[in-house]
Amino acid sequence: MRCTVIGRDEVLHVARLARLALSEAEIEPMARELSAVLDHIARIGELDLTDVPPTSHVVEVSGALRLDEPCVSLPREVVLAQAPAVSGEGFLVPSPQA
C-alpha cells in the first residue's frame, strides 16, 4: 500500500483554496487526514473496473424527483414585490466585494 505524505505547505495551500482558517494545532491532523484520503483514492485506482458501469449512486434511486412539467408561473409583479431590491424588471443583486 502506498503511503502518501501531505506536507504543511500543501495543507496550507489547500486550506487557502478552500478559504479555511486552520490553527497551528489543526495543520498536522489535517495533513494525516488528507494523506489517508489520497491513499484511499490510490487503492481504488488499483482496482480493475473494466466491467463496472459508471454510477451516480451506490444503490438504485427511484422516485426521488417529480416530473419536470411546465406550469403557470407567478406574475412578475407578485414576485418582485417580495424582493429586497429591484432594478427595472428584475432582482437587484449587490456586487461581490473584492
PDB file of N, CA and C in Angstrom:
ATOM      1  N   MET A   1       0.838  -1.185   0.000  1.00  0.00           N
ATOM      2  CA  MET A   1       0.000   0.000   0.000  1.00  0.00           C
ATOM      3  C   MET A   1       0.879   1.243   0.000  1.00  0.00           C
ATOM      4  N   ARG A   2       0.454   2.230  -0.767  1.00  0.00           N
ATOM      5  CA  ARG A   2       1.198   3.488  -0.826  1.00  0.00           C
ATOM      6  C   ARG A   2       1.002   4.272   0.460  1.00  0.00           C
ATOM      7  N   CYS A   3       1.912   5.130   0.754  1.00  0.00           N
ATOM      8  CA  CYS A   3       1.789   5.993   1.918  1.00  0.00           C
ATOM      9  C   CYS A   3       2.053   7.425   1.463  1.00  0.00           C
ATOM     10  N   THR A   4       0.987   8.121   1.151  1.00  0.00           N
ATOM     11  CA  THR A   4       1.100   9.496   0.699  1.00  0.00           C
ATOM     12  C   THR A   4       1.358  10.392   1.897  1.00  0.00           C
ATOM     13  N   VAL A   5       2.270  11.307   1.745  1.00  0.00           N
ATOM     14  CA  VAL A   5       2.564  12.242   2.819  1.00  0.00           C
ATOM     15  C   VAL A   5       2.289  13.659   2.317  1.00  0.00           C
ATOM     16  N   ILE A   6       1.316  14.284   2.935  1.00  0.00           N
ATOM     17  CA  ILE A   6       0.973  15.668   2.611  1.00  0.00           C
ATOM     18  C   ILE A   6       1.703  16.554   3.600  1.00  0.00           C
ATOM     19  N   GLY A   7       2.454  17.492   3.103  1.00  0.00           N
ATOM     20  CA  GLY A   7       3.235  18.371   3.964  1.00  0.00           C
ATOM     21  C   GLY A   7       2.464  19.601   4.411  1.00  0.00           C
ATOM     22  N   ARG A   8       3.071  20.310   5.324  1.00  0.00           N
ATOM     23  CA  ARG A   8       2.487  21.517   5.900  1.00  0.00           C
ATOM     24  C   ARG A   8       2.134  22.539   4.815  1.00  0.00           C
ATOM     25  N   ASP A   9       3.048  22.771   3.869  1.00  0.00           N
ATOM     26  CA  ASP A   9       2.801  23.765   2.823  1.00  0.00           C
ATOM     27  C   ASP A   9       1.608  23.381   1.956  1.00  0.00           C
ATOM     28  N   GLU A  10       1.488  22.082   1.662  1.00  0.00           N
ATOM     29  CA  GLU A  10       0.351  21.623   0.851  1.00  0.00           C
ATOM     30  C   GLU A  10      -0.967  21.784   1.610  1.00  0.00           C
ATOM     31  N   VAL A  11      -0.963  21.491   2.897  1.00  0.00           N
ATOM     32  CA  VAL A  11      -2.170  21.671   3.714  1.00  0.00           C
ATOM     33  C   VAL A  11      -2.575  23.138   3.723  1.00  0.00           C
ATOM     34  N   LEU A  12      -1.614  24.016   3.922  1.00  0.00           N
ATOM     35  CA  LEU A  12      -1.923  25.444   3.951  1.00  0.00           C
ATOM     36  C   LEU A  12      -2.412  25.933   2.592  1.00  0.00           C
ATOM     37  N   HIS A  13      -1.856  25.381   1.513  1.00  0.00           N
ATOM     38  CA  HIS A  13      -2.295  25.760   0.170  1.00  0.00           C
ATOM     39  C   HIS A  13      -3.746  25.328  -0.059  1.00  0.00           C
ATOM     40  N   VAL A  14      -4.065  24.078   0.290  1.00  0.00           N
ATOM     41  CA  VAL A  14      -5.438  23.579   0.128  1.00  0.00           C
ATOM     42  C   VAL A  14      -6.392  24.363   1.025  1.00  0.00           C
ATOM     43  N   ALA A  15      -5.984  24.670   2.227  1.00  0.00           N
ATOM     44  CA  ALA A  15      -6.830  25.442   3.141  1.00  0.00           C
ATOM     45  C   ALA A  15      -7.111  26.833   2.567  1.00  0.00           C
ATOM     46  N   ARG A  16      -6.097  27.436   1.968  1.00  0.00           N
ATOM     47  CA  ARG A  16      -6.302  28.761   1.368  1.00  0.00           C
ATOM     48  C   ARG A  16      -7.274  28.667   0.201  1.00  0.00           C
ATOM     49  N   LEU A  17      -7.131  27.638  -0.643  1.00  0.00           N
ATOM     50  CA  LEU A  17      -8.048  27.452  -1.772  1.00  0.00           C
ATOM     51  C   LEU A  17      -9.477  27.230  -1.301  1.00  0.00           C
ATOM     52  N   ALA A  18      -9.628  26.515  -0.168  1.00  0.00           N
ATOM     53  CA  ALA A  18     -10.952  26.223   0.377  1.00  0.00           C
ATOM     54  C   ALA A  18     -11.443  27.342   1.293  1.00  0.00           C
ATOM     55  N   ARG A  19     -10.626  28.375   1.436  1.00  0.00           N
ATOM     56  CA  ARG A  19     -10.950  29.510   2.310  1.00  0.00           C
ATOM     57  C   ARG A  19     -11.198  29.069   3.744  1.00  0.00           C
ATOM     58  N   LEU A  20     -10.306  28.192   4.214  1.00  0.00           N
ATOM     59  CA  LEU A  20     -10.375  27.706   5.582  1.00  0.00           C
ATOM     60  C   LEU A  20      -9.263  28.337   6.401  1.00  0.00           C
ATOM     61  N   ALA A  21      -9.590  28.718   7.601  1.00  0.00           N
ATOM     62  CA  ALA A  21      -8.585  29.238   8.525  1.00  0.00           C
ATOM     63  C   ALA A  21      -8.233  28.099   9.485  1.00  0.00           C
ATOM     64  N   LEU A  22      -7.032  27.576   9.357  1.00  0.00           N
ATOM     65  CA  LEU A  22      -6.598  26.483  10.230  1.00  0.00           C
ATOM     66  C   LEU A  22      -5.677  27.014  11.313  1.00  0.00           C
ATOM     67  N   SER A  23      -5.889  26.540  12.525  1.00  0.00           N
ATOM     68  CA  SER A  23      -4.974  26.885  13.612  1.00  0.00           C
ATOM     69  C   SER A  23      -3.736  25.999  13.490  1.00  0.00           C
ATOM     70  N   GLU A  24      -2.694  26.341  14.215  1.00  0.00           N
ATOM     71  CA  GLU A  24      -1.473  25.531  14.196  1.00  0.00           C
ATOM     72  C   GLU A  24      -1.777  24.098  14.626  1.00  0.00           C
ATOM     73  N   ALA A  25      -2.668  23.932  15.598  1.00  0.00           N
ATOM     74  CA  ALA A  25      -2.999  22.599  16.103  1.00  0.00           C
ATOM     75  C   ALA A  25      -3.769  21.768  15.076  1.00  0.00           C
ATOM     76  N   GLU A  26      -4.399  22.395  14.110  1.00  0.00           N
ATOM     77  CA  GLU A  26      -5.198  21.672  13.124  1.00  0.00           C
ATOM     78  C   GLU A  26      -4.394  21.221  11.900  1.00  0.00           C
ATOM     79  N   ILE A  27      -3.239  21.800  11.671  1.00  0.00           N
ATOM     80  CA  ILE A  27      -2.481  21.529  10.449  1.00  0.00           C
ATOM     81  C   ILE A  27      -2.006  20.085  10.377  1.00  0.00           C
ATOM     82  N   GLU A  28      -1.388  19.570  11.426  1.00  0.00           N
ATOM     83  CA  GLU A  28      -0.870  18.202  11.426  1.00  0.00           C
ATOM     84  C   GLU A  28      -1.986  17.166  11.273  1.00  0.00           C
ATOM     85  N   PRO A  29      -3.088  17.238  12.045  1.00  0.00           N
ATOM     86  CA  PRO A  29      -4.176  16.269  11.832  1.00  0.00           C
ATOM     87  C   PRO A  29      -4.764  16.360  10.422  1.00  0.00           C
ATOM     88  N   MET A  30      -4.852  17.554   9.875  1.00  0.00           N
ATOM     89  CA  MET A  30      -5.385  17.721   8.526  1.00  0.00           C
ATOM     90  C   MET A  30      -4.457  17.059   7.501  1.00  0.00           C
ATOM     91  N   ALA A  31      -3.161  17.169   7.717  1.00  0.00           N
ATOM     92  CA  ALA A  31      -2.198  16.527   6.817  1.00  0.00           C
ATOM     93  C   ALA A  31      -2.394  15.015   6.835  1.00  0.00           C
ATOM     94  N   ARG A  32      -2.587  14.440   8.017  1.00  0.00           N
ATOM     95  CA  ARG A  32      -2.816  12.995   8.119  1.00  0.00           C
ATOM     96  C   ARG A  32      -4.115  12.599   7.426  1.00  0.00           C
ATOM     97  N   GLU A  33      -5.180  13.383   7.628  1.00  0.00           N
ATOM     98  CA  GLU A  33      -6.473  13.066   7.024  1.00  0.00           C
ATOM     99  C   GLU A  33      -6.414  13.163   5.499  1.00  0.00           C
ATOM    100  N   LEU A  34      -5.790  14.207   4.981  1.00  0.00           N
ATOM    101  CA  LEU A  34      -5.663  14.347   3.526  1.00  0.00           C
ATOM    102  C   LEU A  34      -4.812  13.220   2.947  1.00  0.00           C
ATOM    103  N   SER A  35      -3.761  12.831   3.647  1.00  0.00           N
ATOM    104  CA  SER A  35      -2.921  11.723   3.197  1.00  0.00           C
ATOM    105  C   SER A  35      -3.733  10.435   3.142  1.00  0.00           C
ATOM    106  N   ALA A  36      -4.572  10.192   4.155  1.00  0.00           N
ATOM    107  CA  ALA A  36      -5.399   8.988   4.184  1.00  0.00           C
ATOM    108  C   ALA A  36      -6.396   8.987   3.027  1.00  0.00           C
ATOM    109  N   VAL A  37      -6.975  10.128   2.719  1.00  0.00           N
ATOM    110  CA  VAL A  37      -7.918  10.223   1.596  1.00  0.00           C
ATOM    111  C   VAL A  37      -7.207   9.899   0.290  1.00  0.00           C
ATOM    112  N   LEU A  38      -6.043  10.484   0.071  1.00  0.00           N
ATOM    113  CA  LEU A  38      -5.297  10.213  -1.164  1.00  0.00           C
ATOM    114  C   LEU A  38      -4.865   8.756  -1.258  1.00  0.00           C
ATOM    115  N   ASP A  39      -4.485   8.151  -0.140  1.00  0.00           N
ATOM    116  CA  ASP A  39      -4.134   6.726  -0.139  1.00  0.00           C
ATOM    117  C   ASP A  39      -5.349   5.880  -0.524  1.00  0.00           C
ATOM    118  N   HIS A  40      -6.508   6.242  -0.008  1.00  0.00           N
ATOM    119  CA  HIS A  40      -7.730   5.503  -0.326  1.00  0.00           C
ATOM    120  C   HIS A  40      -8.051   5.621  -1.819  1.00  0.00           C
ATOM    121  N   ILE A  41      -7.930   6.807  -2.363  1.00  0.00           N
ATOM    122  CA  ILE A  41      -8.177   7.017  -3.792  1.00  0.00           C
ATOM    123  C   ILE A  41      -7.181   6.213  -4.626  1.00  0.00           C
ATOM    124  N   ALA A  42      -5.938   6.166  -4.193  1.00  0.00           N
ATOM    125  CA  ALA A  42      -4.925   5.375  -4.911  1.00  0.00           C
ATOM    126  C   ALA A  42      -5.286   3.897  -4.895  1.00  0.00           C
ATOM    127  N   ARG A  43      -5.808   3.395  -3.767  1.00  0.00           N
ATOM    128  CA  ARG A  43      -6.220   1.985  -3.697  1.00  0.00           C
ATOM    129  C   ARG A  43      -7.369   1.712  -4.654  1.00  0.00           C
ATOM    130  N   ILE A  44      -8.310   2.636  -4.751  1.00  0.00           N
ATOM    131  CA  ILE A  44      -9.421   2.475  -5.688  1.00  0.00           C
ATOM    132  C   ILE A  44      -8.891   2.466  -7.115  1.00  0.00           C
ATOM    133  N   GLY A  45      -7.908   3.301  -7.398  1.00  0.00           N
ATOM    134  CA  GLY A  45      -7.320   3.363  -8.724  1.00  0.00           C
ATOM    135  C   GLY A  45      -6.634   2.086  -9.145  1.00  0.00           C
ATOM    136  N   GLU A  46      -6.266   1.231  -8.194  1.00  0.00           N
ATOM    137  CA  GLU A  46      -5.610  -0.037  -8.497  1.00  0.00           C
ATOM    138  C   GLU A  46      -6.607  -1.133  -8.876  1.00  0.00           C
ATOM    139  N   LEU A  47      -7.897  -0.902  -8.657  1.00  0.00           N
ATOM    140  CA  LEU A  47      -8.903  -1.918  -8.954  1.00  0.00           C
ATOM    141  C   LEU A  47      -9.162  -2.026 -10.451  1.00  0.00           C
ATOM    142  N   ASP A  48      -9.481  -3.249 -10.903  1.00  0.00           N
ATOM    143  CA  ASP A  48      -9.872  -3.463 -12.294  1.00  0.00           C
ATOM    144  C   ASP A  48     -11.377  -3.226 -12.391  1.00  0.00           C
ATOM    145  N   LEU A  49     -11.767  -2.084 -12.929  1.00  0.00           N
ATOM    146  CA  LEU A  49     -13.176  -1.709 -13.035  1.00  0.00           C
ATOM    147  C   LEU A  49     -13.666  -1.748 -14.473  1.00  0.00           C
ATOM    148  N   THR A  50     -13.019  -2.564 -15.293  1.00  0.00           N
ATOM    149  CA  THR A  50     -13.333  -2.647 -16.715  1.00  0.00           C
ATOM    150  C   THR A  50     -14.809  -2.955 -16.967  1.00  0.00           C
ATOM    151  N   ASP A  51     -15.374  -3.915 -16.253  1.00  0.00           N
ATOM    152  CA  ASP A  51     -16.754  -4.334 -16.490  1.00  0.00           C
ATOM    153  C   ASP A  51     -17.758  -3.675 -15.539  1.00  0.00           C
ATOM    154  N   VAL A  52     -17.329  -2.665 -14.813  1.00  0.00           N
ATOM    155  CA  VAL A  52     -18.225  -1.981 -13.876  1.00  0.00           C
ATOM    156  C   VAL A  52     -18.754  -0.719 -14.541  1.00  0.00           C
ATOM    157  N   PRO A  53     -20.078  -0.628 -14.727  1.00  0.00           N
ATOM    158  CA  PRO A  53     -20.632   0.565 -15.377  1.00  0.00           C
ATOM    159  C   PRO A  53     -20.557   1.784 -14.455  1.00  0.00           C
ATOM    160  N   PRO A  54     -20.424   2.966 -15.032  1.00  0.00           N
ATOM    161  CA  PRO A  54     -20.413   4.182 -14.208  1.00  0.00           C
ATOM    162  C   PRO A  54     -21.748   4.344 -13.482  1.00  0.00           C
ATOM    163  N   THR A  55     -21.692   4.820 -12.254  1.00  0.00           N
ATOM    164  CA  THR A  55     -22.910   5.043 -11.476  1.00  0.00           C
ATOM    165  C   THR A  55     -22.833   6.378 -10.758  1.00  0.00           C
ATOM    166  N   SER A  56     -23.994   6.912 -10.453  1.00  0.00           N
ATOM    167  CA  SER A  56     -24.032   8.150  -9.665  1.00  0.00           C
ATOM    168  C   SER A  56     -24.422   7.862  -8.225  1.00  0.00           C
ATOM    169  N   HIS A  57     -24.998   6.671  -7.979  1.00  0.00           N
ATOM    170  CA  HIS A  57     -25.384   6.262  -6.631  1.00  0.00           C
ATOM    171  C   HIS A  57     -24.992   4.795  -6.435  1.00  0.00           C
ATOM    172  N   VAL A  58     -24.710   4.419  -5.207  1.00  0.00           N
ATOM    173  CA  VAL A  58     -24.345   3.030  -4.946  1.00  0.00           C
ATOM    174  C   VAL A  58     -25.571   2.135  -4.841  1.00  0.00           C
ATOM    175  N   VAL A  59     -26.743   2.722  -4.639  1.00  0.00           N
ATOM    176  CA  VAL A  59     -27.997   1.976  -4.622  1.00  0.00           C
ATOM    177  C   VAL A  59     -28.926   2.577  -5.664  1.00  0.00           C
ATOM    178  N   GLU A  60     -29.898   1.783  -6.103  1.00  0.00           N
ATOM    179  CA  GLU A  60     -30.859   2.263  -7.092  1.00  0.00           C
ATOM    180  C   GLU A  60     -31.731   3.356  -6.473  1.00  0.00           C
ATOM    181  N   VAL A  61     -31.858   4.470  -7.159  1.00  0.00           N
ATOM    182  CA  VAL A  61     -32.677   5.585  -6.683  1.00  0.00           C
ATOM    183  C   VAL A  61     -33.873   5.708  -7.606  1.00  0.00           C
ATOM    184  N   SER A  62     -35.060   5.691  -7.017  1.00  0.00           N
ATOM    185  CA  SER A  62     -36.253   5.851  -7.844  1.00  0.00           C
ATOM    186  C   SER A  62     -37.225   6.781  -7.137  1.00  0.00           C
ATOM    187  N   GLY A  63     -37.921   7.567  -7.918  1.00  0.00           N
ATOM    188  CA  GLY A  63     -38.935   8.447  -7.362  1.00  0.00           C
ATOM    189  C   GLY A  63     -38.395   9.598  -6.528  1.00  0.00           C
ATOM    190  N   ALA A  64     -37.130   9.930  -6.697  1.00  0.00           N
ATOM    191  CA  ALA A  64     -36.545  10.978  -5.873  1.00  0.00           C
ATOM    192  C   ALA A  64     -37.021  12.368  -6.302  1.00  0.00           C
ATOM    193  N   LEU A  65     -37.344  12.521  -7.579  1.00  0.00           N
ATOM    194  CA  LEU A  65     -37.742  13.828  -8.096  1.00  0.00           C
ATOM    195  C   LEU A  65     -39.073  13.716  -8.826  1.00  0.00           C
ATOM    196  N   ARG A  66     -39.835  14.769  -8.788  1.00  0.00           N
ATOM    197  CA  ARG A  66     -41.085  14.797  -9.547  1.00  0.00           C
ATOM    198  C   ARG A  66     -40.765  15.061 -11.010  1.00  0.00           C
ATOM    199  N   LEU A  67     -41.696  14.770 -11.872  1.00  0.00           N
ATOM    200  CA  LEU A  67     -41.517  15.064 -13.285  1.00  0.00           C
ATOM    201  C   LEU A  67     -41.446  16.576 -13.485  1.00  0.00           C
ATOM    202  N   ASP A  68     -40.637  17.000 -14.415  1.00  0.00           N
ATOM    203  CA  ASP A  68     -40.495  18.422 -14.718  1.00  0.00           C
ATOM    204  C   ASP A  68     -41.533  18.785 -15.772  1.00  0.00           C
ATOM    205  N   GLU A  69     -42.668  19.283 -15.298  1.00  0.00           N
ATOM    206  CA  GLU A  69     -43.751  19.639 -16.203  1.00  0.00           C
ATOM    207  C   GLU A  69     -43.978  21.146 -16.156  1.00  0.00           C
ATOM    208  N   PRO A  70     -44.198  21.766 -17.315  1.00  0.00           N
ATOM    209  CA  PRO A  70     -44.451  23.207 -17.335  1.00  0.00           C
ATOM    210  C   PRO A  70     -45.732  23.550 -16.575  1.00  0.00           C
ATOM    211  N   CYS A  71     -45.718  24.679 -15.901  1.00  0.00           N
ATOM    212  CA  CYS A  71     -46.911  25.157 -15.202  1.00  0.00           C
ATOM    213  C   CYS A  71     -46.906  26.678 -15.235  1.00  0.00           C
ATOM    214  N   VAL A  72     -48.007  27.250 -14.826  1.00  0.00           N
ATOM    215  CA  VAL A  72     -48.145  28.698 -14.839  1.00  0.00           C
ATOM    216  C   VAL A  72     -47.251  29.297 -13.752  1.00  0.00           C
ATOM    217  N   SER A  73     -46.489  30.322 -14.112  1.00  0.00           N
ATOM    218  CA  SER A  73     -45.613  30.991 -13.159  1.00  0.00           C
ATOM    219  C   SER A  73     -46.367  32.106 -12.438  1.00  0.00           C
ATOM    220  N   LEU A  74     -45.801  32.550 -11.336  1.00  0.00           N
ATOM    221  CA  LEU A  74     -46.370  33.710 -10.641  1.00  0.00           C
ATOM    222  C   LEU A  74     -46.175  34.950 -11.496  1.00  0.00           C
ATOM    223  N   PRO A  75     -47.077  35.894 -11.392  1.00  0.00           N
ATOM    224  CA  PRO A  75     -46.881  37.154 -12.122  1.00  0.00           C
ATOM    225  C   PRO A  75     -45.615  37.856 -11.640  1.00  0.00           C
ATOM    226  N   ARG A  76     -44.896  38.481 -12.565  1.00  0.00           N
ATOM    227  CA  ARG A  76     -43.653  39.175 -12.245  1.00  0.00           C
ATOM    228  C   ARG A  76     -43.848  40.191 -11.115  1.00  0.00           C
ATOM    229  N   GLU A  77     -44.956  40.917 -11.113  1.00  0.00           N
ATOM    230  CA  GLU A  77     -45.202  41.945 -10.093  1.00  0.00           C
ATOM    231  C   GLU A  77     -45.266  41.335  -8.693  1.00  0.00           C
ATOM    232  N   VAL A  78     -45.883  40.153  -8.587  1.00  0.00           N
ATOM    233  CA  VAL A  78     -46.007  39.489  -7.283  1.00  0.00           C
ATOM    234  C   VAL A  78     -44.633  39.074  -6.776  1.00  0.00           C
ATOM    235  N   VAL A  79     -43.826  38.511  -7.646  1.00  0.00           N
ATOM    236  CA  VAL A  79     -42.501  38.054  -7.250  1.00  0.00           C
ATOM    237  C   VAL A  79     -41.613  39.235  -6.869  1.00  0.00           C
ATOM    238  N   LEU A  80     -41.596  40.279  -7.708  1.00  0.00           N
ATOM    239  CA  LEU A  80     -40.730  41.433  -7.434  1.00  0.00           C
ATOM    240  C   LEU A  80     -41.195  42.219  -6.217  1.00  0.00           C
ATOM    241  N   ALA A  81     -42.477  42.153  -5.882  1.00  0.00           N
ATOM    242  CA  ALA A  81     -42.979  42.853  -4.697  1.00  0.00           C
ATOM    243  C   ALA A  81     -42.374  42.270  -3.421  1.00  0.00           C
ATOM    244  N   GLN A  82     -41.916  41.014  -3.472  1.00  0.00           N
ATOM    245  CA  GLN A  82     -41.354  40.356  -2.293  1.00  0.00           C
ATOM    246  C   GLN A  82     -39.827  40.423  -2.253  1.00  0.00           C
ATOM    247  N   ALA A  83     -39.228  41.002  -3.293  1.00  0.00           N
ATOM    248  CA  ALA A  83     -37.765  41.071  -3.369  1.00  0.00           C
ATOM    249  C   ALA A  83     -37.234  42.193  -2.481  1.00  0.00           C
ATOM    250  N   PRO A  84     -36.058  42.005  -1.884  1.00  0.00           N
ATOM    251  CA  PRO A  84     -35.472  43.078  -1.065  1.00  0.00           C
ATOM    252  C   PRO A  84     -35.052  44.284  -1.891  1.00  0.00           C
ATOM    253  N   ALA A  85     -34.681  44.066  -3.159  1.00  0.00           N
ATOM    254  CA  ALA A  85     -34.264  45.172  -4.029  1.00  0.00           C
ATOM    255  C   ALA A  85     -34.591  44.800  -5.475  1.00  0.00           C
ATOM    256  N   VAL A  86     -35.075  45.793  -6.241  1.00  0.00           N
ATOM    257  CA  VAL A  86     -35.489  45.577  -7.622  1.00  0.00           C
ATOM    258  C   VAL A  86     -34.803  46.600  -8.509  1.00  0.00           C
ATOM    259  N   SER A  87     -34.439  46.175  -9.727  1.00  0.00           N
ATOM    260  CA  SER A  87     -33.878  47.082 -10.708  1.00  0.00           C
ATOM    261  C   SER A  87     -34.566  46.797 -12.036  1.00  0.00           C
ATOM    262  N   GLY A  88     -35.322  47.758 -12.535  1.00  0.00           N
ATOM    263  CA  GLY A  88     -36.052  47.559 -13.784  1.00  0.00           C
ATOM    264  C   GLY A  88     -37.069  46.461 -13.620  1.00  0.00           C
ATOM    265  N   GLU A  89     -36.934  45.386 -14.415  1.00  0.00           N
ATOM    266  CA  GLU A  89     -37.880  44.279 -14.350  1.00  0.00           C
ATOM    267  C   GLU A  89     -37.284  43.032 -13.692  1.00  0.00           C
ATOM    268  N   GLY A  90     -36.252  43.192 -12.861  1.00  0.00           N
ATOM    269  CA  GLY A  90     -35.620  42.034 -12.238  1.00  0.00           C
ATOM    270  C   GLY A  90     -35.099  42.329 -10.848  1.00  0.00           C
ATOM    271  N   PHE A  91     -34.487  41.332 -10.256  1.00  0.00           N
ATOM    272  CA  PHE A  91     -33.902  41.466  -8.924  1.00  0.00           C
ATOM    273  C   PHE A  91     -32.620  42.287  -9.000  1.00  0.00           C
ATOM    274  N   LEU A  92     -32.370  43.087  -7.977  1.00  0.00           N
ATOM    275  CA  LEU A  92     -31.132  43.844  -7.878  1.00  0.00           C
ATOM    276  C   LEU A  92     -30.196  43.042  -6.978  1.00  0.00           C
ATOM    277  N   VAL A  93     -29.059  42.633  -7.529  1.00  0.00           N
ATOM    278  CA  VAL A  93     -28.087  41.814  -6.784  1.00  0.00           C
ATOM    279  C   VAL A  93     -26.865  42.673  -6.511  1.00  0.00           C
ATOM    280  N   PRO A  94     -26.425  42.721  -5.242  1.00  0.00           N
ATOM    281  CA  PRO A  94     -25.236  43.542  -4.940  1.00  0.00           C
ATOM    282  C   PRO A  94     -23.982  42.981  -5.600  1.00  0.00           C
ATOM    283  N   SER A  95     -23.049  43.865  -5.918  1.00  0.00           N
ATOM    284  CA  SER A  95     -21.771  43.459  -6.496  1.00  0.00           C
ATOM    285  C   SER A  95     -20.966  42.692  -5.448  1.00  0.00           C
ATOM    286  N   PRO A  96     -20.235  41.651  -5.880  1.00  0.00           N
ATOM    287  CA  PRO A  96     -19.377  40.941  -4.931  1.00  0.00           C
ATOM    288  C   PRO A  96     -18.244  41.847  -4.488  1.00  0.00           C
ATOM    289  N   GLN A  97     -17.905  41.730  -3.224  1.00  0.00           N
ATOM    290  CA  GLN A  97     -16.808  42.547  -2.693  1.00  0.00           C
ATOM    291  C   GLN A  97     -15.479  41.893  -3.046  1.00  0.00           C
ATOM    292  N   ALA A  98     -14.504  42.687  -3.333  1.00  0.00           N
ATOM    293  CA  ALA A  98     -13.181  42.164  -3.706  1.00  0.00           C
ATOM    294  C   ALA A  98     -12.434  41.671  -2.500  1.00  0.00           C
TER     295      ALA A  98
END
